[in-house]
Amino acid sequence: MRSRPARVLLPLLAVAGVALAGLACQREPALPRPRHVFLITVDTLRADHTSLYGYPRNTTPSVAAMAPQAVLFASTIAQWPKTGASFASMFTGRYPQTTGMMQKAALRIPPQYHTLPEMLHDAGYRTAAVVSNAVLGKKLGWNRGFDEYLETWGGGDFPTEAQDFRHLVHAPRVNELALPLLDRHAKDDRLFVWIHYTDPHAPYLLPPGTPNPFLNDARYTGGDKVPDHLIKQYRLGDQNELRYYVAQYDANVAVADHHIGLLLDHMRKLGLLDDALVIFTGDHGESLGDHGSYFEHGRQPYDNTSHVPLLVWGSGIAHGRRVDRPVELVDLYPTLREIAAPDAKVHGLEGRSLVPWLRPAAPHPTETAEFRYAFSEAGERPHYYRSVQDGSWHLVQGFGAHRHGDVVPGGWELYDLRKDPGEVQNLAMSDTGDLRRLRSALLRWAHPGAERRQLTPQSGDADAEKALHALGYAQ
């Protein structure tokens, strides 16, 4: 279970606070249980590259159009910036340091954990999914709890090169499977559907015939080059300009958003949104030249790869609310348990239910007191990081970690996210109250020896191995 920093309260005030909180909770009605639950996720999606979060390029107009009817979480943190580990936290409600699902991409959720799809299936929901990343394939057990599980790369000849693989994972291919799936299940009494898009993942090839609207726009500036040895299999033509690859990344975000818009239109046409809960998020972000890293994720602990979007809308959900308190992807499991499966008994969840933020009435301070810190981990052996942030400050503890070739002093990094959102200036050498407060919170949360834990990557399927190679996960 997660350990949170204790708060010291005067006894009489504590008693009064508990009593008031109980009365407040009694007055607040439960959110209606939705007939349909949709989880829409986009692989490798940086929050700060979506127009939903104020990015100058219009990358996510379809999703942003839903914001006035939704709750937007401004500071949502992925628990590990790699697909398998991140979804493991979403689907188990636990941190990587607890499950041991860390470091590598191809991982199988251990059988002792009752997964999110299993919980919803047990609660009476028909469960279905369309996924476009082989890290989430059936051969790795990610279909546990699903009645129907469709992989975009399934069947036919299987390319091994990253660029040849793209046509099997592009958003048009996802919708080619997702729209008929919705047609088949439109009359189901209760339905949970997970749709996963992968377009922003490198290499940033667009679907054939799709123009890039961001080439030569106002943001197409700068002369930085991507080092040749870092482009690897992700080089597009003879391009080595960073601005070109960033524009390609942004255009792929726009492709995913456009097809999400088509997906939502189809749901609306079928009446599936009339009594629904919709969650939109990403599993992690992407390094686009930040901190000397290009076109990858998982190695570093910074917000370019750990800060993801989160938008929730549906029947009974508050409209137009923005939540600035830090939340985590590990919070999705307890949230869906409370809303969609209120009778489910699941022990050991480490996330917090987001329901207080989702009710139309303003949340009671007591209900949201725990939303003070967000925790995450990152790294590839021999390097391991764990970190904590509160929306203003981000503290990182590194083990065997190097940054720009230099050992981090004392293994600590501290960044002022308000003044330095790119996390360039390390303030850890200054002895501040914020540093001491965050360090105390992080050390109280951390499991001893977590930096030495790691489950063995698993696959055992020839097509899955080829897909992992094509995505750049297996060299």
Protein backbone atom coordinates (compact mmCIF):
# COMPACT_ATOMS: atom_id res chain seq x y z
CA MET A 1 0.00 0.00 0.00
CA ARG A 2 1.14 3.53 -0.64
CA SER A 3 2.51 5.45 2.28
CA ARG A 4 1.59 9.12 2.40
CA PRO A 5 3.26 11.84 4.49
CA ALA A 6 1.35 12.26 7.73
CA ARG A 7 -0.29 15.58 8.58
CA VAL A 8 -0.17 16.87 12.14
CA LEU A 9 -3.56 18.19 13.30
CA LEU A 10 -4.83 19.31 16.65
CA PRO A 11 -6.97 16.52 18.13
CA LEU A 12 -10.17 18.57 18.42
CA LEU A 13 -9.83 19.90 14.89
CA ALA A 14 -9.15 16.40 13.60
CA VAL A 15 -12.33 15.07 15.21
CA ALA A 16 -14.34 17.98 13.88
CA GLY A 17 -12.85 17.53 10.42
CA VAL A 18 -13.74 13.84 10.32
CA ALA A 19 -17.30 14.61 11.37
CA LEU A 20 -17.71 17.33 8.75
CA ALA A 21 -16.18 15.09 6.11
CA GLY A 22 -18.66 12.34 6.97
CA LEU A 23 -21.59 14.76 6.63
CA ALA A 24 -20.19 16.05 3.34
CA CYS A 25 -19.84 12.53 1.96
CA GLN A 26 -23.42 11.71 3.02
CA ARG A 27 -24.74 14.73 1.12
CA GLU A 28 -22.81 13.85 -2.05
CA PRO A 29 -24.70 11.36 -4.24
CA ALA A 30 -22.74 8.64 -5.98
CA LEU A 31 -22.02 9.11 -9.66
CA PRO A 32 -24.44 7.15 -11.84
CA ARG A 33 -23.15 3.75 -12.92
CA PRO A 34 -22.57 4.03 -16.68
CA ARG A 35 -23.81 1.41 -19.15
CA HIS A 36 -20.79 2.02 -21.36
CA VAL A 37 -17.19 2.69 -20.34
CA PHE A 38 -14.64 3.73 -22.96
CA LEU A 39 -10.90 3.98 -22.34
CA ILE A 40 -9.19 5.77 -25.24
CA THR A 41 -5.41 5.86 -25.04
CA VAL A 42 -2.69 7.24 -27.30
CA ASP A 43 0.81 5.79 -27.12
CA THR A 44 3.75 8.18 -26.62
CA LEU A 45 1.57 11.27 -26.13
CA ARG A 46 3.17 14.28 -24.42
CA ALA A 47 0.65 16.49 -22.67
CA ASP A 48 2.58 19.62 -23.64
CA HIS A 49 2.26 18.75 -27.36
CA THR A 50 -1.54 18.72 -27.31
CA SER A 51 -3.67 21.77 -28.01
CA LEU A 52 -5.83 20.44 -25.15
CA TYR A 53 -3.02 21.74 -22.88
CA GLY A 54 -2.35 24.96 -24.77
CA TYR A 55 0.19 23.80 -27.38
CA PRO A 56 0.27 26.41 -30.18
CA ARG A 57 -0.09 23.79 -32.91
CA ASN A 58 -3.66 22.55 -33.29
CA THR A 59 -2.83 18.89 -32.67
CA THR A 60 -5.90 17.70 -30.73
CA PRO A 61 -9.01 19.67 -31.80
CA SER A 62 -11.34 16.65 -31.54
CA VAL A 63 -10.43 15.88 -27.95
CA ALA A 64 -10.21 19.55 -26.98
CA ALA A 65 -13.79 20.01 -28.19
CA MET A 66 -14.89 17.69 -25.38
CA ALA A 67 -13.19 19.72 -22.63
CA PRO A 68 -16.15 22.05 -21.91
CA GLN A 69 -18.18 18.94 -21.02
CA ALA A 70 -15.40 17.24 -19.08
CA VAL A 71 -12.91 17.32 -16.21
CA LEU A 72 -9.36 18.11 -17.33
CA PHE A 73 -6.52 16.98 -15.08
CA ALA A 74 -3.64 19.39 -15.67
CA SER A 75 -0.88 17.43 -13.92
CA THR A 76 -1.26 13.69 -14.62
CA ILE A 77 1.84 11.55 -14.14
CA ALA A 78 2.59 8.13 -15.66
CA GLN A 79 4.10 5.71 -13.15
CA TRP A 80 6.76 4.48 -15.60
CA PRO A 81 7.29 6.07 -19.04
CA LYS A 82 7.18 2.81 -20.98
CA THR A 83 4.10 1.14 -22.45
CA GLY A 84 4.06 -2.21 -20.63
CA ALA A 85 4.97 -0.80 -17.23
CA SER A 86 2.58 2.13 -17.55
CA PHE A 87 -0.43 0.02 -18.50
CA ALA A 88 0.50 -2.44 -15.76
CA SER A 89 -0.02 0.38 -13.26
CA MET A 90 -3.32 1.35 -14.89
CA PHE A 91 -4.54 -2.25 -14.99
CA THR A 92 -3.41 -3.29 -11.49
CA GLY A 93 -3.78 -0.02 -9.56
CA ARG A 94 -0.26 -0.50 -8.20
CA TYR A 95 3.16 1.06 -8.68
CA PRO A 96 5.99 -0.59 -10.63
CA GLN A 97 8.04 -0.80 -7.43
CA THR A 98 5.27 -3.03 -6.05
CA THR A 99 4.62 -5.28 -9.06
CA GLY A 100 8.23 -5.37 -10.29
CA MET A 101 7.01 -4.49 -13.80
CA MET A 102 9.74 -2.06 -14.73
CA GLN A 103 12.79 -1.41 -16.91
CA LYS A 104 11.66 -3.34 -20.02
CA ALA A 105 8.78 -3.10 -22.47
CA ALA A 106 7.69 -6.71 -23.03
CA LEU A 107 6.21 -7.69 -19.68
CA ARG A 108 3.38 -9.91 -18.49
CA ILE A 109 1.14 -8.88 -15.59
CA PRO A 110 1.70 -11.46 -12.82
CA PRO A 111 -1.33 -13.73 -12.28
CA GLN A 112 -1.87 -12.72 -8.66
CA TYR A 113 -3.21 -9.32 -9.69
CA HIS A 114 -6.90 -8.96 -10.54
CA THR A 115 -6.73 -6.68 -13.56
CA LEU A 116 -9.00 -3.76 -14.41
CA PRO A 117 -10.65 -5.61 -17.36
CA GLU A 118 -11.19 -8.67 -15.16
CA MET A 119 -12.86 -6.53 -12.51
CA LEU A 120 -15.19 -4.91 -15.04
CA HIS A 121 -15.96 -8.26 -16.65
CA ASP A 122 -16.87 -9.68 -13.23
CA ALA A 123 -19.11 -6.64 -12.69
CA GLY A 124 -21.20 -7.58 -15.72
CA TYR A 125 -19.56 -5.60 -18.50
CA ARG A 126 -18.91 -7.09 -21.92
CA THR A 127 -15.23 -6.29 -22.45
CA ALA A 128 -13.48 -5.61 -25.76
CA ALA A 129 -10.29 -3.96 -27.01
CA VAL A 130 -8.41 -2.87 -30.12
CA VAL A 131 -4.67 -2.42 -29.55
CA SER A 132 -1.91 -1.29 -31.91
CA ASN A 133 1.26 -1.96 -29.92
CA ALA A 134 2.68 -5.49 -29.74
CA VAL A 135 3.87 -4.83 -26.19
CA LEU A 136 0.16 -5.18 -25.36
CA GLY A 137 -0.34 -8.40 -27.34
CA LYS A 138 -2.25 -11.55 -26.49
CA LYS A 139 0.96 -13.58 -26.34
CA LEU A 140 1.99 -11.47 -23.36
CA GLY A 141 -1.36 -12.00 -21.65
CA TRP A 142 -2.83 -8.54 -22.10
CA ASN A 143 -6.13 -10.04 -23.23
CA ARG A 144 -6.87 -11.23 -19.68
CA GLY A 145 -10.42 -10.24 -18.79
CA PHE A 146 -11.45 -9.38 -22.36
CA ASP A 147 -14.22 -11.14 -24.25
CA GLU A 148 -12.87 -9.80 -27.54
CA TYR A 149 -9.30 -8.60 -28.13
CA LEU A 150 -8.21 -7.37 -31.56
CA GLU A 151 -4.59 -6.69 -32.57
CA THR A 152 -4.06 -4.41 -35.56
CA TRP A 153 -1.03 -6.40 -36.73
CA GLY A 154 -2.73 -9.80 -36.63
CA GLY A 155 -2.52 -12.05 -39.71
CA GLY A 156 -0.71 -11.85 -43.01
CA ASP A 157 2.93 -11.14 -43.75
CA PHE A 158 4.75 -9.59 -40.85
CA PRO A 159 7.40 -6.92 -41.57
CA THR A 160 10.34 -6.51 -39.23
CA GLU A 161 11.48 -3.00 -40.16
CA ALA A 162 10.01 -0.09 -38.24
CA GLN A 163 8.87 1.89 -41.27
CA ASP A 164 7.33 -1.13 -43.01
CA PHE A 165 5.38 -1.88 -39.84
CA ARG A 166 3.63 1.48 -39.65
CA HIS A 167 0.67 0.63 -41.89
CA LEU A 168 -0.31 -2.07 -39.38
CA VAL A 169 -0.59 0.36 -36.47
CA HIS A 170 -1.77 3.67 -37.96
CA ALA A 171 -5.03 5.16 -36.69
CA PRO A 172 -6.96 4.24 -39.87
CA ARG A 173 -6.14 0.58 -39.17
CA VAL A 174 -7.30 0.97 -35.54
CA ASN A 175 -10.63 2.42 -36.64
CA GLU A 176 -10.97 -0.25 -39.33
CA LEU A 177 -11.29 -2.72 -36.45
CA ALA A 178 -12.86 -0.47 -33.81
CA LEU A 179 -15.91 0.82 -35.69
CA PRO A 180 -17.26 -2.65 -36.60
CA LEU A 181 -16.53 -3.78 -33.04
CA LEU A 182 -18.78 -1.00 -31.76
CA ASP A 183 -21.46 -2.03 -34.25
CA ARG A 184 -21.34 -5.61 -32.97
CA HIS A 185 -21.66 -4.59 -29.33
CA ALA A 186 -23.94 -1.55 -29.58
CA LYS A 187 -26.87 -3.46 -28.02
CA ASP A 188 -24.89 -4.97 -25.13
CA ASP A 189 -26.42 -4.18 -21.76
CA ARG A 190 -23.07 -3.12 -20.28
CA LEU A 191 -19.91 -2.55 -22.31
CA PHE A 192 -16.26 -1.69 -21.62
CA VAL A 193 -14.08 -0.93 -24.65
CA TRP A 194 -10.39 0.00 -24.70
CA ILE A 195 -9.08 1.57 -27.92
CA HIS A 196 -5.32 2.16 -28.18
CA TYR A 197 -3.70 4.36 -30.87
CA THR A 198 0.06 4.35 -31.53
CA ASP A 199 0.62 7.06 -34.16
CA PRO A 200 2.95 9.35 -32.15
CA HIS A 201 5.41 6.49 -31.59
CA ALA A 202 8.60 6.66 -33.66
CA PRO A 203 9.25 6.39 -36.56
CA TYR A 204 7.01 9.38 -37.25
CA LEU A 205 5.71 8.28 -40.64
CA LEU A 206 2.28 9.58 -41.58
CA PRO A 207 -0.36 7.43 -43.27
CA PRO A 208 0.06 7.40 -47.06
CA GLY A 209 -1.33 10.54 -48.68
CA THR A 210 -1.52 12.46 -45.38
CA PRO A 211 0.12 15.92 -45.61
CA ASN A 212 1.95 17.46 -42.67
CA PRO A 213 0.23 20.77 -41.82
CA PHE A 214 3.06 21.87 -39.53
CA LEU A 215 5.99 21.92 -41.94
CA ASN A 216 7.21 25.51 -42.34
CA ASP A 217 4.69 26.95 -39.87
CA ALA A 218 5.59 29.58 -37.25
CA ARG A 219 7.07 26.91 -34.94
CA TYR A 220 9.19 25.33 -37.66
CA THR A 221 12.35 27.05 -36.48
CA GLY A 222 15.80 26.26 -35.15
CA GLY A 223 18.84 24.65 -36.65
CA ASP A 224 19.46 21.79 -34.23
CA LYS A 225 20.46 18.50 -35.82
CA VAL A 226 19.76 15.01 -34.55
CA PRO A 227 23.07 13.14 -34.12
CA ASP A 228 23.36 10.47 -36.81
CA HIS A 229 24.04 7.68 -34.33
CA LEU A 230 20.80 8.47 -32.48
CA ILE A 231 18.42 8.45 -35.44
CA LYS A 232 18.97 4.70 -35.93
CA GLN A 233 16.04 3.01 -37.64
CA TYR A 234 13.83 6.06 -37.16
CA ARG A 235 15.46 8.25 -39.85
CA LEU A 236 12.98 9.54 -42.41
CA GLY A 237 14.69 9.99 -45.78
CA ASP A 238 17.81 12.10 -45.47
CA GLN A 239 16.33 14.37 -42.79
CA ASN A 240 18.41 15.15 -39.71
CA GLU A 241 16.82 18.42 -38.56
CA LEU A 242 15.14 18.21 -35.16
CA ARG A 243 12.41 20.66 -36.20
CA TYR A 244 11.35 18.25 -38.98
CA TYR A 245 10.97 15.31 -36.60
CA VAL A 246 9.08 17.40 -34.04
CA ALA A 247 6.68 18.52 -36.79
CA GLN A 248 6.25 14.88 -37.86
CA TYR A 249 5.56 13.85 -34.27
CA ASP A 250 2.95 16.62 -33.93
CA ALA A 251 1.32 15.63 -37.22
CA ASN A 252 0.98 12.05 -35.98
CA VAL A 253 -0.68 13.32 -32.81
CA ALA A 254 -3.14 15.15 -35.08
CA VAL A 255 -3.78 11.95 -37.06
CA ALA A 256 -4.66 10.06 -33.89
CA ASP A 257 -6.90 12.92 -32.74
CA HIS A 258 -8.73 13.04 -36.09
CA HIS A 259 -9.53 9.33 -35.93
CA ILE A 260 -10.56 9.62 -32.28
CA GLY A 261 -13.01 12.25 -33.50
CA LEU A 262 -14.36 9.76 -36.06
CA LEU A 263 -14.57 7.12 -33.33
CA LEU A 264 -16.56 9.43 -31.06
CA ASP A 265 -18.88 10.38 -33.93
CA HIS A 266 -19.58 6.70 -34.53
CA MET A 267 -20.24 6.12 -30.82
CA ARG A 268 -22.61 9.07 -30.84
CA LYS A 269 -24.43 7.76 -33.93
CA LEU A 270 -24.93 4.39 -32.21
CA GLY A 271 -26.19 6.05 -29.02
CA LEU A 272 -23.26 4.68 -27.03
CA LEU A 273 -22.40 8.07 -25.51
CA ASP A 274 -25.88 8.65 -24.09
CA ASP A 275 -25.06 6.74 -20.89
CA ALA A 276 -21.29 6.52 -20.89
CA LEU A 277 -18.06 7.31 -19.11
CA VAL A 278 -15.16 8.21 -21.41
CA ILE A 279 -11.53 8.43 -20.29
CA PHE A 280 -8.86 9.84 -22.63
CA THR A 281 -5.18 9.59 -21.70
CA GLY A 282 -1.71 8.51 -22.83
CA ASP A 283 0.68 5.91 -21.45
CA HIS A 284 3.77 8.15 -21.52
CA GLY A 285 5.39 10.96 -23.48
CA GLU A 286 8.42 11.20 -25.76
CA SER A 287 11.91 12.69 -25.74
CA LEU A 288 12.23 15.12 -28.62
CA GLY A 289 15.79 16.28 -28.06
CA ASP A 290 15.26 17.13 -24.39
CA HIS A 291 18.04 16.16 -22.00
CA GLY A 292 20.12 14.80 -24.88
CA SER A 293 17.52 12.13 -25.67
CA TYR A 294 15.77 11.63 -29.01
CA PHE A 295 12.71 9.61 -30.06
CA GLU A 296 12.60 7.39 -26.98
CA HIS A 297 11.09 7.04 -23.52
CA GLY A 298 11.60 5.05 -20.36
CA ARG A 299 15.24 5.91 -19.69
CA GLN A 300 14.73 9.31 -18.03
CA PRO A 301 12.42 10.60 -15.29
CA TYR A 302 11.52 14.04 -16.66
CA ASP A 303 8.07 15.37 -17.46
CA ASN A 304 8.59 15.21 -21.23
CA THR A 305 8.01 11.47 -20.89
CA SER A 306 6.01 11.21 -17.64
CA HIS A 307 3.44 14.03 -17.98
CA VAL A 308 0.41 12.81 -19.95
CA PRO A 309 -3.04 14.21 -20.73
CA LEU A 310 -6.14 13.06 -18.85
CA LEU A 311 -9.68 14.09 -19.74
CA VAL A 312 -12.82 12.46 -18.29
CA TRP A 313 -16.37 13.08 -19.44
CA GLY A 314 -19.76 11.38 -19.44
CA SER A 315 -23.08 11.03 -17.71
CA GLY A 316 -23.11 12.83 -14.36
CA ILE A 317 -19.54 14.14 -14.71
CA ALA A 318 -18.72 17.78 -13.93
CA HIS A 319 -18.44 20.13 -16.92
CA GLY A 320 -15.54 22.46 -17.66
CA ARG A 321 -13.53 21.71 -14.52
CA ARG A 322 -9.73 21.91 -14.47
CA VAL A 323 -7.88 20.08 -11.68
CA ASP A 324 -4.40 21.40 -10.96
CA ARG A 325 -3.59 19.00 -8.12
CA PRO A 326 -1.22 16.18 -9.19
CA VAL A 327 -2.87 12.86 -10.06
CA GLU A 328 -1.51 9.56 -11.39
CA LEU A 329 -2.46 6.93 -13.95
CA VAL A 330 -2.49 4.42 -11.09
CA ASP A 331 -5.61 6.30 -9.93
CA LEU A 332 -7.73 5.06 -12.86
CA TYR A 333 -8.35 1.58 -11.41
CA PRO A 334 -9.86 2.74 -8.09
CA THR A 335 -11.83 5.40 -9.96
CA LEU A 336 -13.46 2.87 -12.29
CA ARG A 337 -14.01 0.46 -9.42
CA GLU A 338 -15.97 3.10 -7.51
CA ILE A 339 -18.03 4.25 -10.51
CA ALA A 340 -18.58 1.13 -12.61
CA ALA A 341 -18.11 -1.73 -10.13
CA PRO A 342 -19.09 -0.34 -6.71
CA ASP A 343 -19.59 -3.83 -5.23
CA ALA A 344 -16.17 -5.14 -6.33
CA LYS A 345 -13.75 -6.01 -3.54
CA VAL A 346 -10.17 -5.43 -4.67
CA HIS A 347 -7.44 -5.30 -2.05
CA GLY A 348 -4.05 -3.64 -2.25
CA LEU A 349 -4.86 -0.80 -4.62
CA GLU A 350 -2.32 2.01 -4.31
CA GLY A 351 -4.12 4.64 -6.39
CA ARG A 352 -6.74 7.09 -5.20
CA SER A 353 -10.24 7.40 -6.65
CA LEU A 354 -10.70 10.55 -8.71
CA VAL A 355 -14.45 10.58 -8.05
CA PRO A 356 -14.35 13.63 -5.72
CA TRP A 357 -13.05 15.67 -8.68
CA LEU A 358 -15.61 14.21 -11.10
CA ARG A 359 -18.81 15.02 -9.20
CA PRO A 360 -20.58 18.18 -10.39
CA ALA A 361 -20.43 19.67 -6.90
CA ALA A 362 -17.11 21.15 -5.82
CA PRO A 363 -15.07 18.55 -3.93
CA HIS A 364 -14.80 18.77 -0.16
CA PRO A 365 -11.21 19.60 0.93
CA THR A 366 -11.07 16.54 3.16
CA GLU A 367 -11.86 14.26 0.22
CA THR A 368 -9.00 15.66 -1.84
CA ALA A 369 -6.39 16.11 0.87
CA GLU A 370 -4.32 13.17 -0.39
CA PHE A 371 -3.91 14.69 -3.85
CA ARG A 372 -0.72 16.44 -2.87
CA TYR A 373 1.99 14.35 -4.52
CA ALA A 374 2.46 12.23 -7.64
CA PHE A 375 5.15 9.53 -7.79
CA SER A 376 6.88 7.93 -10.75
CA GLU A 377 9.84 5.75 -11.68
CA ALA A 378 12.05 5.41 -14.78
CA GLY A 379 15.34 4.05 -16.06
CA GLU A 380 17.04 1.20 -17.82
CA ARG A 381 19.66 -0.91 -16.12
CA PRO A 382 21.99 0.00 -14.54
CA HIS A 383 20.17 3.30 -14.04
CA TYR A 384 17.05 3.74 -11.94
CA TYR A 385 15.14 6.87 -10.93
CA ARG A 386 12.24 7.55 -8.64
CA SER A 387 10.62 10.93 -8.29
CA VAL A 388 7.89 12.96 -6.65
CA GLN A 389 6.19 16.15 -7.71
CA ASP A 390 3.50 18.43 -6.35
CA GLY A 391 2.57 20.46 -9.43
CA SER A 392 5.16 23.13 -8.68
CA TRP A 393 8.34 21.21 -7.82
CA HIS A 394 9.78 17.96 -9.16
CA LEU A 395 12.34 16.03 -7.11
CA VAL A 396 14.27 13.13 -8.66
CA GLN A 397 16.46 10.57 -6.90
CA GLY A 398 18.87 8.69 -9.14
CA PHE A 399 20.71 5.41 -8.61
CA GLY A 400 23.73 4.83 -10.83
CA ALA A 401 22.31 7.69 -12.88
CA HIS A 402 24.14 10.07 -15.16
CA ARG A 403 22.89 13.20 -16.82
CA HIS A 404 24.71 14.71 -19.79
CA GLY A 405 27.64 12.44 -18.92
CA ASP A 406 28.09 13.79 -15.40
CA VAL A 407 27.20 12.06 -12.16
CA VAL A 408 24.32 13.86 -10.50
CA PRO A 409 25.57 15.36 -7.18
CA GLY A 410 24.25 13.23 -4.36
CA GLY A 411 21.87 11.46 -6.76
CA TRP A 412 19.27 14.25 -6.37
CA GLU A 413 17.73 16.66 -8.87
CA LEU A 414 15.20 19.39 -8.05
CA TYR A 415 13.32 21.47 -10.62
CA ASP A 416 10.98 24.43 -10.30
CA LEU A 417 8.26 23.47 -12.80
CA ARG A 418 6.72 26.94 -12.75
CA LYS A 419 9.88 28.74 -13.87
CA ASP A 420 11.67 25.86 -15.56
CA PRO A 421 9.12 23.50 -17.20
CA GLY A 422 11.89 22.00 -19.35
CA GLU A 423 13.70 20.89 -16.17
CA VAL A 424 17.08 22.29 -17.13
CA GLN A 425 18.31 23.98 -13.94
CA ASN A 426 18.98 21.54 -11.10
CA LEU A 427 18.37 23.28 -7.77
CA ALA A 428 19.13 20.29 -5.57
CA MET A 429 22.26 21.88 -4.14
CA SER A 430 20.15 24.60 -2.51
CA ASP A 431 18.91 23.56 0.92
CA THR A 432 15.27 24.63 0.70
CA GLY A 433 12.15 23.70 2.60
CA ASP A 434 10.60 22.38 -0.62
CA LEU A 435 13.53 20.03 -1.17
CA ARG A 436 13.30 18.67 2.38
CA ARG A 437 9.52 18.29 2.16
CA LEU A 438 9.61 16.45 -1.16
CA ARG A 439 12.54 14.27 -0.12
CA SER A 440 10.66 13.21 3.01
CA ALA A 441 7.57 12.38 0.93
CA LEU A 442 9.60 10.37 -1.58
CA LEU A 443 11.51 8.37 1.03
CA ARG A 444 8.28 7.54 2.88
CA TRP A 445 6.74 6.27 -0.36
CA ALA A 446 9.70 4.29 -1.72
CA HIS A 447 10.04 0.54 -1.22
CA PRO A 448 13.52 -0.47 0.00
CA GLY A 449 15.47 -2.18 -2.76
CA ALA A 450 13.04 -1.21 -5.52
CA GLU A 451 15.95 -0.07 -7.68
CA ARG A 452 17.13 -3.68 -7.82
CA ARG A 453 13.80 -5.20 -8.82
CA GLN A 454 12.93 -6.22 -12.35
CA LEU A 455 10.78 -8.91 -13.89
CA THR A 456 12.23 -10.88 -16.79
CA PRO A 457 10.94 -9.67 -20.18
CA GLN A 458 8.69 -12.26 -21.77
CA SER A 459 7.50 -12.98 -25.26
CA GLY A 460 7.87 -16.45 -26.75
CA ASP A 461 5.93 -15.60 -29.90
CA ALA A 462 7.67 -15.07 -33.24
CA ASP A 463 5.26 -12.41 -34.50
CA ALA A 464 5.41 -10.55 -31.20
CA GLU A 465 9.20 -10.56 -31.37
CA LYS A 466 9.07 -9.11 -34.89
CA ALA A 467 6.62 -6.44 -33.78
CA LEU A 468 8.81 -5.47 -30.84
CA HIS A 469 11.79 -5.18 -33.16
CA ALA A 470 9.79 -3.07 -35.60
CA LEU A 471 8.76 -0.71 -32.82
CA GLY A 472 12.36 -0.36 -31.68
CA TYR A 473 11.89 -2.26 -28.43
CA ALA A 474 14.08 -5.21 -29.39
CA GLN A 475 17.47 -4.71 -31.02
